[in-house]
Amino acid sequence: MVKEKKDSPRIKELKHKARRYSIKEGIFVAAKNSFGDYYVSPFAIAINMSNFLVAILSSIAGLLGPLSQLFSSRLIEKSPRKKIVLKSVFWESLMWLPLIIIAILFYKGILINLIPLFFLLSFSLYIILANIGSPAWFSWMGDLVDKKYRGRWFSKRNLIIGFVSVSLAILASFFLDYFRKNNWTMFGFIILFSLAFIFRLMCWRTLKKQYEPKIKIHKKDYFSFWDFIIKAPKNNFGKFAIFRSLLNLSAGISSPLVVIYLLRFLKFNYSTYMIIILAGTLFSLFVLNFWGKFADKYGNYKVLCITTILIPIIPILWILSPSPIYLILAPAIIGGISWAGFNLASGNFIYDNVSPQKRGLAISYYNMFLGIGTFLGAGLGAILIKFLTISFIKPIFLIFIIGSLARMIVVFFWLPKIKEIRKTKKFESSKVFKNIIFKEAKPTLIEEAHEIISIKEYLKEK
C-alpha cells in the first residue's frame, strides 16, 4: 500500500473539509455555552446555594480542569485523538441531565438539603469530562491548520463562535427573565440545560465527520510534568507558560470581583450587568480578524507586546466612573480589544513553539500552570475582599489598584524574556499606529462587518 504524502491534494481536501466541520462544531459549542455554561452560576444562586459555595465553582473549574488534562494528555499515546475527543464530548453532554434532574427536585421540594452537594458533584464531573479531550483536540486542530494562516483561521472561527454566543446569550437572558416573572424559573433552566445537552450532542455528531491526520507519538516525545517545571525557566515555551501563569494570578486578584462590584457595589440590575459584560465580547469580535492577520504578518509576540500595554490598566478603568455608558465604552472596549488579541496570540504562540508530537502534553502542562495561577489569584482576591479594612479608600477600589499594579509588574519582568521564533515581517515601532490604523484596521473592520452579515445569513438558512 502506497503511503500518502501529508501535502497530497487528497489530504489537503480532507483538511479543508475538516476545518469547515470545525467551524460548524464551533457554532454548536457556542450554543451549548450560551444556554448552559453561562447560566451555571445563576442556576446555583436560583437553587439557594450560599455565596461561599457559588464562589467555590470557579475554584473547582480552575483546578479540576487542568488536573484532568494532566491525566488525559497521556491518552494520545495509546488512542487516536478523534476517539478521545468523541468520548469526552459524549460523556460531557450527558452531564447536563443531572442538572436538569436537580432543577426538577428543587421545584418539587425533594431532598432540598442535599441539592447543593448533588450540584457540586455534578458540576465537578462536568468540568473533568469537558477537559479530558482538550489536549487531544488542541493537538488535532494544530495538524489541520497550516501555520501560515493559523492566526486568520482561528480568528475567523472565534469570530463566528463569539457572534453566536453573544446573540444566543442575550436571547436566553430575555427567555429566563420571562419565566422568572411568571414564577417558572426552574422550568426556564430545565429548557436551557436541555438545549445545552442537545447542542453538545450535535457537536459530537459533527466531530464524527471530521478528518483526523495520523500522528505517531514515540517514547522520546514524552516528558513529565516535573521535567517541564525544571526546564521551564530555560526554554522559550516554558518562560511563556510562567508568564501566562503569573498574569493569570495577577488578573485573578480583581477579575472575579467585577461581578461583585457591578451587582452589589454599584447595584446594577441583571440586564445592565449583562450588557456591560457582553459589550466586551461584542467589541472583541470586530478586531479578531485584524489581530489574526496582524499576527500572521508581524508575529504573535508583537501582538502580546501591544495588548499587554492595555491589559494592566483595565482594573483601574472599572473604578473611575460608575456610569454604565462609561463602563461599556472604556473598560469593555479596551478589555475586549486587548484580551481578544492576547488570547488569540497565546494559543498560536503554543503552536509555533511546540512540535506536533508534544502538543498534547505541552498544552496540558501549560493549562496546569494557568490553573494554579488562576486559583492563587482568585484566592488572594477573596482573602483581600474579606479581611482588608482601610478608611482612606474603599477596599474594593484598592484591590483593583493592586490587581493593576500586579499585572504591570508581571508584564514588565517576564514579557522581555520571551521571543518570537517564527520568521515575520519587520515591524517598525515608530510606524506602529500608522500601520494599525490605516493599513490594517480599516479594511479589516469592513471585512468583519461583511463576515458578521454572512454569519447571520448562514444561521437564517439553517
Protein backbone atom coordinates (compact mmCIF):
# COMPACT_ATOMS: atom_id res chain seq x y z
CA MET A 1 0.00 0.00 0.00
CA VAL A 2 1.44 3.36 -1.03
CA LYS A 3 1.83 5.82 1.82
CA GLU A 4 0.12 9.10 1.02
CA LYS A 5 2.08 12.30 1.43
CA LYS A 6 0.93 14.83 4.00
CA ASP A 7 0.63 17.59 1.39
CA SER A 8 -1.12 15.50 -1.31
CA PRO A 9 -4.25 17.02 -2.96
CA ARG A 10 -6.48 14.44 -1.25
CA ILE A 11 -5.08 15.22 2.21
CA LYS A 12 -5.41 18.95 1.58
CA GLU A 13 -9.06 18.47 0.61
CA LEU A 14 -9.74 16.36 3.71
CA LYS A 15 -8.16 19.03 5.92
CA HIS A 16 -10.20 21.73 4.18
CA LYS A 17 -13.44 19.82 4.86
CA ALA A 18 -12.32 19.17 8.44
CA ARG A 19 -11.83 22.90 9.03
CA ARG A 20 -15.34 23.58 7.70
CA TYR A 21 -16.75 20.93 10.05
CA SER A 22 -14.78 22.52 12.90
CA ILE A 23 -16.49 25.87 12.30
CA LYS A 24 -19.91 24.17 12.33
CA GLU A 25 -18.93 22.36 15.52
CA GLY A 26 -17.83 25.72 16.96
CA ILE A 27 -21.33 27.12 16.34
CA PHE A 28 -22.83 24.24 18.33
CA VAL A 29 -20.25 24.85 21.10
CA ALA A 30 -21.31 28.50 21.21
CA ALA A 31 -24.97 27.47 21.55
CA LYS A 32 -24.10 25.00 24.32
CA ASN A 33 -22.19 27.70 26.19
CA SER A 34 -24.94 30.30 25.77
CA PHE A 35 -27.69 28.01 27.03
CA GLY A 36 -25.60 26.08 29.54
CA ASP A 37 -22.21 27.25 30.79
CA TYR A 38 -23.18 30.93 31.09
CA TYR A 39 -26.09 30.02 33.37
CA VAL A 40 -24.44 27.55 35.75
CA SER A 41 -23.71 30.25 38.36
CA PRO A 42 -27.17 31.88 38.06
CA PHE A 43 -28.66 28.40 38.49
CA ALA A 44 -26.58 27.88 41.64
CA ILE A 45 -27.99 31.13 43.02
CA ALA A 46 -31.54 30.17 41.98
CA ILE A 47 -31.37 26.92 44.00
CA ASN A 48 -30.29 28.98 47.04
CA MET A 49 -26.66 27.93 47.29
CA SER A 50 -24.60 30.11 49.63
CA ASN A 51 -22.25 32.79 48.32
CA PHE A 52 -19.32 30.70 49.52
CA LEU A 53 -20.42 27.66 47.50
CA VAL A 54 -21.11 29.80 44.45
CA ALA A 55 -17.61 31.21 44.73
CA ILE A 56 -16.21 27.69 45.02
CA LEU A 57 -17.38 26.95 41.46
CA SER A 58 -14.57 28.98 39.88
CA SER A 59 -12.02 27.26 42.11
CA ILE A 60 -13.34 23.85 41.08
CA ALA A 61 -13.07 24.75 37.39
CA GLY A 62 -9.61 26.26 37.88
CA LEU A 63 -8.14 23.13 39.46
CA LEU A 64 -10.11 20.11 38.21
CA GLY A 65 -9.92 21.20 34.56
CA PRO A 66 -6.11 21.32 34.32
CA LEU A 67 -5.73 18.24 36.54
CA SER A 68 -7.94 16.17 34.22
CA GLN A 69 -5.93 17.43 31.22
CA LEU A 70 -2.75 16.38 33.01
CA PHE A 71 -4.10 12.84 33.11
CA SER A 72 -5.66 12.76 29.65
CA SER A 73 -2.58 14.10 27.83
CA ARG A 74 -1.06 10.58 28.05
CA LEU A 75 -4.07 9.09 26.28
CA ILE A 76 -2.81 10.44 22.94
CA GLU A 77 0.00 7.89 23.07
CA LYS A 78 -2.48 4.99 23.20
CA SER A 79 -5.60 6.10 21.30
CA PRO A 80 -6.47 8.25 18.25
CA ARG A 81 -7.12 11.87 19.15
CA LYS A 82 -10.53 11.80 17.48
CA LYS A 83 -11.63 8.85 19.61
CA ILE A 84 -10.55 10.64 22.80
CA VAL A 85 -12.40 13.84 21.87
CA LEU A 86 -15.57 12.00 20.85
CA LYS A 87 -15.77 10.10 24.13
CA SER A 88 -15.08 13.27 26.12
CA VAL A 89 -17.76 15.28 24.30
CA PHE A 90 -20.36 12.47 24.54
CA TRP A 91 -19.98 11.95 28.30
CA GLU A 92 -19.76 15.70 28.88
CA SER A 93 -23.10 16.16 27.12
CA LEU A 94 -24.74 13.61 29.45
CA MET A 95 -23.72 15.68 32.50
CA TRP A 96 -26.42 18.24 31.65
CA LEU A 97 -29.01 15.59 32.60
CA PRO A 98 -28.14 15.61 36.36
CA LEU A 99 -28.52 19.41 36.37
CA ILE A 100 -31.95 19.05 34.80
CA ILE A 101 -32.86 16.48 37.49
CA ILE A 102 -31.61 18.87 40.20
CA ALA A 103 -33.88 21.61 38.84
CA ILE A 104 -36.86 19.21 38.97
CA LEU A 105 -36.01 18.11 42.52
CA PHE A 106 -35.74 21.74 43.67
CA TYR A 107 -39.08 22.64 42.07
CA LYS A 108 -40.74 19.63 43.75
CA GLY A 109 -39.06 20.39 47.09
CA ILE A 110 -37.39 16.97 47.22
CA LEU A 111 -34.01 16.46 49.01
CA ILE A 112 -33.54 20.21 49.34
CA ASN A 113 -30.71 19.89 51.87
CA LEU A 114 -28.74 17.54 49.62
CA ILE A 115 -29.22 19.52 46.39
CA PRO A 116 -26.08 21.72 46.88
CA LEU A 117 -23.97 18.58 47.29
CA PHE A 118 -25.53 16.96 44.20
CA PHE A 119 -24.90 20.14 42.24
CA LEU A 120 -21.22 20.37 43.24
CA LEU A 121 -20.64 16.70 42.38
CA SER A 122 -22.37 17.05 39.01
CA PHE A 123 -20.51 20.25 38.18
CA SER A 124 -17.17 18.68 39.16
CA LEU A 125 -17.80 15.68 36.88
CA TYR A 126 -18.83 18.05 34.09
CA ILE A 127 -15.57 20.00 34.39
CA ILE A 128 -13.49 16.82 34.38
CA LEU A 129 -15.23 15.31 31.35
CA ALA A 130 -15.23 18.61 29.46
CA ASN A 131 -11.45 18.93 29.86
CA ILE A 132 -10.33 15.35 29.23
CA GLY A 133 -10.50 15.83 25.46
CA SER A 134 -8.84 19.27 25.39
CA PRO A 135 -5.19 18.19 24.84
CA ALA A 136 -6.23 15.80 22.06
CA TRP A 137 -8.44 18.45 20.40
CA PHE A 138 -5.69 21.08 20.59
CA SER A 139 -3.18 18.70 19.02
CA TRP A 140 -5.72 17.62 16.38
CA MET A 141 -6.52 21.19 15.33
CA GLY A 142 -2.82 22.06 15.11
CA ASP A 143 -2.44 19.45 12.37
CA LEU A 144 -5.48 20.70 10.44
CA VAL A 145 -4.50 24.38 10.18
CA ASP A 146 -1.38 25.48 8.29
CA LYS A 147 0.89 27.76 10.31
CA LYS A 148 0.96 30.36 7.51
CA TYR A 149 -2.69 31.32 8.03
CA ARG A 150 -3.29 29.92 11.52
CA GLY A 151 -3.95 33.38 13.00
CA ARG A 152 -6.53 34.28 10.36
CA TRP A 153 -8.33 30.94 10.53
CA PHE A 154 -8.63 30.80 14.30
CA SER A 155 -9.71 34.45 14.37
CA LYS A 156 -12.48 33.60 11.88
CA ARG A 157 -13.60 30.61 13.96
CA ASN A 158 -13.51 32.65 17.18
CA LEU A 159 -15.46 35.44 15.46
CA ILE A 160 -18.26 33.07 14.48
CA ILE A 161 -18.34 31.44 17.92
CA GLY A 162 -18.32 34.84 19.62
CA PHE A 163 -21.12 36.26 17.49
CA VAL A 164 -23.35 33.22 18.07
CA SER A 165 -22.52 33.21 21.80
CA VAL A 166 -23.43 36.88 22.31
CA SER A 167 -26.64 36.61 20.26
CA LEU A 168 -27.91 33.45 21.97
CA ALA A 169 -26.82 34.56 25.48
CA ILE A 170 -28.88 37.74 25.14
CA LEU A 171 -31.82 35.72 23.80
CA ALA A 172 -31.50 33.27 26.70
CA SER A 173 -31.46 36.10 29.27
CA PHE A 174 -34.78 37.50 27.98
CA PHE A 175 -36.19 33.97 27.89
CA LEU A 176 -35.16 33.31 31.51
CA ASP A 177 -36.48 36.69 32.67
CA TYR A 178 -39.87 35.84 31.15
CA PHE A 179 -40.02 32.55 33.05
CA ARG A 180 -38.86 34.22 36.27
CA LYS A 181 -41.62 36.86 36.08
CA ASN A 182 -44.16 34.06 35.80
CA ASN A 183 -42.58 32.11 38.70
CA TRP A 184 -41.40 29.36 36.35
CA THR A 185 -37.68 29.92 36.89
CA MET A 186 -36.82 26.21 37.24
CA PHE A 187 -38.70 25.41 34.03
CA GLY A 188 -36.61 28.06 32.30
CA PHE A 189 -33.38 26.42 33.48
CA ILE A 190 -34.68 22.96 32.51
CA ILE A 191 -35.31 24.16 28.95
CA LEU A 192 -31.93 25.95 28.70
CA PHE A 193 -29.98 22.95 30.04
CA SER A 194 -31.93 20.63 27.71
CA LEU A 195 -30.85 22.80 24.78
CA ALA A 196 -27.25 22.69 26.05
CA PHE A 197 -27.47 18.89 26.13
CA ILE A 198 -28.86 18.73 22.57
CA PHE A 199 -26.29 21.13 21.11
CA ARG A 200 -23.39 19.28 22.74
CA LEU A 201 -24.64 16.06 21.15
CA MET A 202 -24.71 17.91 17.83
CA CYS A 203 -21.03 18.77 18.42
CA TRP A 204 -20.40 15.05 18.88
CA ARG A 205 -22.14 14.18 15.60
CA THR A 206 -20.22 16.86 13.73
CA LEU A 207 -16.85 15.77 15.15
CA LYS A 208 -17.53 12.21 13.95
CA LYS A 209 -17.42 13.52 10.36
CA GLN A 210 -14.17 15.45 10.85
CA TYR A 211 -10.94 14.09 9.37
CA GLU A 212 -8.03 13.37 11.72
CA PRO A 213 -4.46 13.37 10.34
CA LYS A 214 -2.40 10.45 11.60
CA ILE A 215 0.26 11.16 14.20
CA LYS A 216 2.87 8.92 15.79
CA ILE A 217 3.86 9.56 19.39
CA HIS A 218 7.17 7.96 20.42
CA LYS A 219 8.52 7.41 23.92
CA LYS A 220 11.18 10.03 23.27
CA ASP A 221 8.38 12.63 22.84
CA TYR A 222 7.17 12.10 26.41
CA PHE A 223 8.30 14.39 29.21
CA SER A 224 6.88 14.50 32.72
CA PHE A 225 5.29 17.48 34.40
CA TRP A 226 8.28 17.63 36.73
CA ASP A 227 10.62 17.78 33.71
CA PHE A 228 8.51 20.60 32.34
CA ILE A 229 8.76 22.55 35.62
CA ILE A 230 12.55 22.10 35.84
CA LYS A 231 13.18 23.15 32.23
CA ALA A 232 10.54 25.90 32.07
CA PRO A 233 12.86 28.81 33.05
CA LYS A 234 15.40 27.68 30.42
CA ASN A 235 13.31 27.49 27.23
CA ASN A 236 11.04 29.86 25.33
CA PHE A 237 7.78 27.96 25.77
CA GLY A 238 8.49 27.35 29.47
CA LYS A 239 9.09 31.05 30.05
CA PHE A 240 5.85 31.80 28.23
CA ALA A 241 3.97 29.33 30.47
CA ILE A 242 5.39 31.00 33.59
CA PHE A 243 4.48 34.43 32.22
CA ARG A 244 0.89 33.34 31.49
CA SER A 245 0.56 31.71 34.91
CA LEU A 246 1.72 34.85 36.70
CA LEU A 247 -0.51 37.03 34.53
CA ASN A 248 -3.47 34.78 35.40
CA LEU A 249 -2.53 35.13 39.06
CA SER A 250 -2.42 38.94 38.83
CA ALA A 251 -5.63 39.05 36.77
CA GLY A 252 -7.36 36.74 39.25
CA ILE A 253 -6.90 39.26 42.06
CA SER A 254 -9.50 41.65 40.63
CA SER A 255 -11.30 39.96 37.70
CA PRO A 256 -13.63 37.76 39.82
CA LEU A 257 -14.62 40.86 41.80
CA VAL A 258 -16.06 42.67 38.76
CA VAL A 259 -19.39 40.90 39.22
CA ILE A 260 -19.46 41.91 42.92
CA TYR A 261 -18.53 45.49 42.01
CA LEU A 262 -21.27 45.81 39.38
CA LEU A 263 -24.10 43.95 41.12
CA ARG A 264 -23.52 44.62 44.82
CA PHE A 265 -21.42 47.77 44.98
CA LEU A 266 -23.00 49.71 42.09
CA LYS A 267 -26.32 47.83 42.48
CA PHE A 268 -26.95 47.38 38.76
CA ASN A 269 -29.79 45.11 37.66
CA TYR A 270 -29.04 41.93 35.71
CA SER A 271 -29.83 43.37 32.29
CA THR A 272 -27.42 46.30 32.79
CA TYR A 273 -24.80 43.88 34.11
CA MET A 274 -25.19 41.57 31.10
CA ILE A 275 -24.99 44.45 28.62
CA ILE A 276 -21.75 45.71 30.18
CA ILE A 277 -20.15 42.25 30.27
CA LEU A 278 -21.28 41.20 26.79
CA ALA A 279 -20.21 44.55 25.34
CA GLY A 280 -16.58 43.49 25.81
CA THR A 281 -17.21 40.25 23.93
CA LEU A 282 -19.05 42.10 21.16
CA PHE A 283 -16.23 44.62 20.69
CA SER A 284 -13.71 41.78 20.56
CA LEU A 285 -15.49 40.27 17.54
CA PHE A 286 -14.65 43.30 15.39
CA VAL A 287 -10.91 43.01 16.00
CA LEU A 288 -10.37 39.25 15.87
CA ASN A 289 -9.71 39.13 12.13
CA PHE A 290 -7.40 42.12 12.43
CA TRP A 291 -5.40 40.51 15.21
CA GLY A 292 -5.22 37.27 13.23
CA LYS A 293 -3.83 38.96 10.11
CA PHE A 294 -1.53 41.11 12.20
CA ALA A 295 -0.13 38.04 14.00
CA ASP A 296 0.41 36.17 10.73
CA LYS A 297 2.34 39.13 9.31
CA TYR A 298 4.28 40.51 12.30
CA GLY A 299 4.25 37.56 14.70
CA ASN A 300 2.33 36.56 17.83
CA TYR A 301 4.93 38.14 20.11
CA LYS A 302 4.19 41.58 18.65
CA VAL A 303 0.51 41.09 19.44
CA LEU A 304 1.39 40.09 23.00
CA CYS A 305 3.52 43.24 23.38
CA ILE A 306 0.81 45.58 22.10
CA THR A 307 -2.06 44.04 24.09
CA THR A 308 -0.11 43.90 27.36
CA ILE A 309 0.25 47.66 27.21
CA LEU A 310 -3.53 47.83 27.68
CA ILE A 311 -4.30 44.82 29.90
CA PRO A 312 -2.71 46.21 33.12
CA ILE A 313 -4.84 49.38 33.11
CA ILE A 314 -8.20 47.60 32.80
CA PRO A 315 -8.83 47.10 36.57
CA ILE A 316 -8.30 50.81 37.24
CA LEU A 317 -10.69 51.75 34.42
CA TRP A 318 -13.51 49.89 36.17
CA ILE A 319 -13.41 52.20 39.21
CA LEU A 320 -13.02 55.62 37.53
CA SER A 321 -16.75 56.14 36.94
CA PRO A 322 -19.99 54.34 37.89
CA SER A 323 -21.73 55.39 34.67
CA PRO A 324 -22.96 52.34 32.67
CA ILE A 325 -22.19 54.17 29.42
CA TYR A 326 -18.61 54.81 30.57
CA LEU A 327 -18.20 51.20 31.71
CA ILE A 328 -19.32 50.00 28.28
CA LEU A 329 -17.17 52.43 26.33
CA ALA A 330 -13.97 52.30 28.42
CA PRO A 331 -13.13 49.05 30.25
CA ALA A 332 -15.40 46.96 28.00
CA ILE A 333 -13.91 48.25 24.73
CA ILE A 334 -10.28 48.21 25.90
CA GLY A 335 -10.74 44.86 27.64
CA GLY A 336 -12.46 43.29 24.65
CA ILE A 337 -9.86 44.52 22.14
CA SER A 338 -6.80 43.68 24.22
CA TRP A 339 -7.86 40.27 25.59
CA ALA A 340 -9.10 39.16 22.15
CA GLY A 341 -5.67 39.75 20.63
CA PHE A 342 -3.81 38.41 23.64
CA ASN A 343 -5.75 35.13 23.85
CA LEU A 344 -5.54 34.54 20.10
CA ALA A 345 -1.78 35.17 20.05
CA SER A 346 -1.28 33.00 23.14
CA GLY A 347 -2.89 29.97 21.52
CA ASN A 348 -0.97 30.39 18.27
CA PHE A 349 2.28 31.02 20.19
CA ILE A 350 1.99 27.49 21.60
CA TYR A 351 1.60 26.01 18.11
CA ASP A 352 4.73 27.90 16.98
CA ASN A 353 6.88 26.74 19.90
CA VAL A 354 5.85 23.09 20.34
CA SER A 355 6.27 20.20 17.88
CA PRO A 356 3.08 18.31 16.84
CA GLN A 357 4.12 15.19 18.76
CA LYS A 358 4.46 17.11 22.04
CA ARG A 359 1.46 19.45 21.78
CA GLY A 360 -0.92 17.27 23.78
CA LEU A 361 1.44 17.11 26.75
CA ALA A 362 2.55 20.71 26.39
CA ILE A 363 -0.98 22.16 26.41
CA SER A 364 -1.97 20.08 29.46
CA TYR A 365 1.10 21.25 31.40
CA TYR A 366 0.58 24.81 30.19
CA ASN A 367 -3.06 24.76 31.35
CA MET A 368 -1.94 23.33 34.70
CA PHE A 369 0.29 26.38 35.14
CA LEU A 370 -2.63 28.64 34.21
CA GLY A 371 -4.99 26.81 36.58
CA ILE A 372 -2.59 27.20 39.50
CA GLY A 373 -2.21 30.90 38.71
CA THR A 374 -5.98 31.40 38.50
CA PHE A 375 -6.55 29.52 41.76
CA LEU A 376 -3.92 31.51 43.69
CA GLY A 377 -5.00 34.85 42.24
CA ALA A 378 -8.70 34.29 42.94
CA GLY A 379 -7.84 33.05 46.44
CA LEU A 380 -5.79 36.17 47.14
CA GLY A 381 -8.60 38.39 45.86
CA ALA A 382 -11.13 36.57 48.06
CA ILE A 383 -8.91 36.95 51.13
CA LEU A 384 -8.41 40.66 50.44
CA ILE A 385 -12.12 41.39 49.94
CA LYS A 386 -12.92 39.58 53.20
CA PHE A 387 -10.20 40.87 55.50
CA LEU A 388 -8.95 44.17 54.03
CA THR A 389 -10.17 47.07 56.18
CA ILE A 390 -8.98 50.60 55.49
CA SER A 391 -10.57 54.01 55.88
CA PHE A 392 -8.92 56.28 53.28
CA ILE A 393 -10.26 54.30 50.28
CA LYS A 394 -12.93 51.69 49.68
CA PRO A 395 -11.32 48.21 49.98
CA ILE A 396 -12.61 47.02 46.60
CA PHE A 397 -11.04 50.08 44.93
CA LEU A 398 -7.67 49.28 46.50
CA ILE A 399 -7.93 45.65 45.33
CA PHE A 400 -8.49 46.79 41.74
CA ILE A 401 -5.43 49.05 42.02
CA ILE A 402 -3.36 46.18 43.46
CA GLY A 403 -4.54 43.96 40.61
CA SER A 404 -3.49 46.57 38.07
CA LEU A 405 -0.03 47.03 39.62
CA ALA A 406 0.47 43.24 39.79
CA ARG A 407 -0.27 42.96 36.06
CA MET A 408 2.20 45.74 35.28
CA ILE A 409 4.96 44.04 37.29
CA VAL A 410 4.41 40.67 35.58
CA VAL A 411 4.42 42.21 32.09
CA PHE A 412 7.49 44.36 32.84
CA PHE A 413 9.64 41.49 34.17
CA TRP A 414 8.50 38.49 32.14
CA LEU A 415 7.44 39.62 28.66
CA PRO A 416 11.02 40.64 27.64
CA LYS A 417 12.19 37.10 28.47
CA ILE A 418 10.05 35.66 25.64
CA LYS A 419 10.98 35.81 21.96
CA GLU A 420 9.39 35.17 18.57
CA ILE A 421 10.80 32.07 16.88
CA ARG A 422 8.85 32.35 13.62
CA LYS A 423 10.17 34.48 10.75
CA THR A 424 7.93 37.51 10.37
CA LYS A 425 7.80 40.81 8.57
CA LYS A 426 9.78 43.60 10.24
CA PHE A 427 7.59 45.87 12.32
CA GLU A 428 8.91 49.37 12.96
CA SER A 429 7.64 50.70 16.27
CA SER A 430 7.81 54.29 15.01
CA LYS A 431 5.11 53.44 12.47
CA VAL A 432 3.01 51.25 14.72
CA PHE A 433 -0.09 53.45 14.90
CA LYS A 434 0.06 54.30 11.21
CA ASN A 435 0.29 50.61 10.30
CA ILE A 436 -2.51 49.61 12.65
CA ILE A 437 -4.97 52.38 11.91
CA PHE A 438 -4.50 52.97 8.19
CA LYS A 439 -3.03 49.80 6.71
CA GLU A 440 -4.65 47.10 8.82
CA ALA A 441 -7.63 48.24 10.86
CA LYS A 442 -9.88 49.94 8.32
CA PRO A 443 -10.07 47.16 5.72
CA THR A 444 -10.24 44.56 8.47
CA LEU A 445 -13.23 46.21 10.15
CA ILE A 446 -15.03 46.26 6.82
CA GLU A 447 -14.25 42.57 6.39
CA GLU A 448 -15.53 41.88 9.92
CA ALA A 449 -18.82 43.62 9.13
CA HIS A 450 -19.26 41.52 5.97
CA GLU A 451 -18.31 38.38 7.94
CA ILE A 452 -20.95 39.06 10.60
CA ILE A 453 -23.58 39.70 7.91
CA SER A 454 -22.66 36.40 6.23
CA ILE A 455 -22.93 34.61 9.60
CA LYS A 456 -26.43 35.99 10.07
CA GLU A 457 -27.42 34.77 6.59
CA TYR A 458 -25.88 31.34 7.28
CA LEU A 459 -27.82 30.95 10.53
CA LYS A 460 -31.07 32.02 8.84
CA GLU A 461 -30.56 29.34 6.20
CA LYS A 462 -30.01 26.73 8.91
